[in-house]
Amino acid sequence: VAKDLGLQLTALSDRGVRVVSEGRTQYFALHGKTGHLVTAERIDREQLCRLVEKCVLRCELIVKGVM
């Protein structure tokens, strides 16, 4: 994520970068030392997308300040 945004790793915390998922469960997070997007919770496809062939989990990346 840091690389894709063109930010240094320290800028992620300085800008308060966070990942927000739809719903109550936050399935994704940013790894503080690498800037990688990682899973924060166990993802159970059968529970989330029982009757759907293509299962998509959406999330947003929130960054403070102008990019």
Protein backbone atom coordinates (compact mmCIF):
# COMPACT_ATOMS: atom_id res chain seq x y z
CA VAL A 1 0.00 0.00 0.00
CA ALA A 2 2.80 2.41 0.89
CA LYS A 3 4.50 1.70 -2.43
CA ASP A 4 1.24 2.04 -4.40
CA LEU A 5 0.55 5.43 -2.77
CA GLY A 6 4.13 6.58 -3.23
CA LEU A 7 4.59 7.09 0.53
CA GLN A 8 7.39 6.13 2.88
CA LEU A 9 6.44 3.70 5.65
CA THR A 10 6.71 6.45 8.28
CA ALA A 11 4.20 8.54 6.31
CA LEU A 12 1.54 5.83 6.76
CA SER A 13 1.34 6.44 10.49
CA ASP A 14 1.96 10.20 10.16
CA ARG A 15 -1.04 10.51 7.83
CA GLY A 16 -3.21 8.22 9.95
CA VAL A 17 -3.71 5.75 7.10
CA ARG A 18 -6.30 3.10 7.95
CA VAL A 19 -8.32 0.42 6.19
CA VAL A 20 -12.10 0.38 6.60
CA SER A 21 -14.27 -2.58 5.53
CA GLU A 22 -18.02 -2.63 4.98
CA GLY A 23 -19.97 -3.88 7.96
CA ARG A 24 -18.91 -4.39 11.53
CA THR A 25 -16.03 -6.81 10.98
CA GLN A 26 -12.77 -5.32 9.76
CA TYR A 27 -11.22 -8.04 7.61
CA PHE A 28 -8.15 -6.10 6.50
CA ALA A 29 -5.42 -4.03 8.14
CA LEU A 30 -2.10 -2.43 7.27
CA HIS A 31 1.03 -4.11 8.55
CA GLY A 32 2.87 -1.33 10.40
CA LYS A 33 6.42 -2.43 9.54
CA THR A 34 5.94 -3.37 5.88
CA GLY A 35 2.98 -1.29 4.69
CA HIS A 36 1.37 -4.43 3.26
CA LEU A 37 -2.37 -5.04 3.24
CA VAL A 38 -3.01 -8.09 5.44
CA THR A 39 -6.01 -10.00 6.72
CA ALA A 40 -7.04 -8.95 10.20
CA GLU A 41 -9.79 -11.53 10.72
CA ARG A 42 -10.51 -15.03 9.50
CA ILE A 43 -12.47 -14.87 6.24
CA ASP A 44 -15.10 -17.60 5.90
CA ARG A 45 -16.30 -17.60 2.29
CA GLU A 46 -19.24 -19.94 2.97
CA GLN A 47 -20.54 -17.64 5.69
CA LEU A 48 -20.08 -14.41 3.71
CA CYS A 49 -21.05 -15.50 0.20
CA ARG A 50 -23.12 -18.67 0.46
CA LEU A 51 -25.15 -18.36 -2.71
CA VAL A 52 -22.84 -16.11 -4.72
CA GLU A 53 -20.36 -17.56 -7.20
CA LYS A 54 -18.06 -14.52 -7.17
CA CYS A 55 -17.28 -13.40 -3.62
CA VAL A 56 -15.97 -9.83 -3.26
CA LEU A 57 -14.97 -8.07 -0.04
CA ARG A 58 -14.64 -4.33 -0.38
CA CYS A 59 -12.58 -2.02 1.76
CA GLU A 60 -11.50 1.62 1.66
CA LEU A 61 -8.17 3.16 2.48
CA ILE A 62 -8.49 6.42 4.44
CA VAL A 63 -5.55 8.87 4.23
CA LYS A 64 -5.45 12.22 6.02
CA GLY A 65 -4.21 15.21 4.04
CA VAL A 66 -3.94 15.97 0.36
CA MET A 67 -2.45 13.36 -1.96
